[in-house]
Protein backbone atom coordinates (compact mmCIF):
# COMPACT_ATOMS: atom_id res chain seq x y z
CA UNK A 1 -108.34 -13.73 -49.68
CA UNK A 2 -109.02 -10.66 -51.83
CA UNK A 3 -112.77 -11.05 -51.35
CA UNK A 4 -112.38 -11.52 -47.60
CA UNK A 5 -110.24 -8.41 -47.19
CA UNK A 6 -112.61 -6.43 -49.41
CA UNK A 7 -115.53 -7.45 -47.23
CA UNK A 8 -113.60 -6.57 -44.08
CA UNK A 9 -112.63 -3.18 -45.54
CA UNK A 10 -116.26 -2.44 -46.47
CA UNK A 11 -117.38 -3.43 -42.99
CA UNK A 12 -114.69 -1.27 -41.43
CA UNK A 13 -115.74 1.68 -43.60
CA UNK A 14 -119.31 1.18 -42.43
CA UNK A 15 -118.22 0.98 -38.82
CA UNK A 16 -116.07 4.10 -39.04
CA UNK A 17 -118.83 6.13 -40.73
CA UNK A 18 -121.67 4.95 -38.50
CA UNK A 19 -122.16 8.43 -37.03
CA UNK A 20 -122.00 10.23 -40.38
CA UNK A 21 -125.05 11.22 -42.42
CA UNK A 22 -126.67 8.38 -44.34
CA UNK A 23 -125.44 9.59 -47.74
CA UNK A 24 -121.84 9.72 -46.55
CA UNK A 25 -122.19 6.32 -44.93
CA UNK A 26 -123.51 4.67 -48.10
CA UNK A 27 -121.00 6.47 -50.32
CA UNK A 28 -118.07 5.35 -48.18
CA UNK A 29 -119.23 1.74 -48.03
CA UNK A 30 -120.10 1.68 -51.72
CA UNK A 31 -116.77 3.19 -52.73
CA UNK A 32 -114.78 0.71 -50.68
CA UNK A 33 -116.92 -2.16 -51.98
CA UNK A 34 -116.31 -1.06 -55.57
CA UNK A 35 -112.57 -0.93 -54.94
CA UNK A 36 -112.76 -4.47 -53.56
CA UNK A 37 -114.68 -5.66 -56.61
CA UNK A 38 -112.15 -4.11 -58.99
CA UNK A 39 -109.25 -5.56 -56.97
CA UNK A 40 -110.80 -9.02 -57.15
CA UNK A 41 -111.47 -8.70 -60.89
CA UNK A 42 -107.89 -7.56 -61.51
CA UNK A 43 -106.48 -10.43 -59.45
CA UNK A 44 -108.75 -12.90 -61.25
CA UNK A 45 -107.69 -11.53 -64.64
CA UNK A 46 -103.98 -11.69 -63.77
CA UNK A 47 -104.14 -15.29 -62.52
CA UNK A 48 -106.27 -16.62 -65.39
CA UNK A 49 -104.36 -19.12 -67.53
CA UNK A 50 -103.56 -17.79 -70.98
CA UNK A 51 -104.01 -19.79 -74.15
CA UNK A 52 -102.36 -19.13 -77.45
CA UNK A 53 -105.10 -18.16 -79.91
CA UNK A 54 -102.79 -18.60 -82.94
CA UNK A 55 -103.03 -22.40 -82.90
């Protein structure tokens, strides 16, 4: 779900900046894509099972 919403957000950013200069367009899409990647990594880290390394 996180990956799907990240992809939709990046696509929406691209759609909304379609009339902007190319640099702004790429920066907006890249920034939103990076936020999606970090959100997915955080979610993946939080849901990863923990093991006790003291055993």
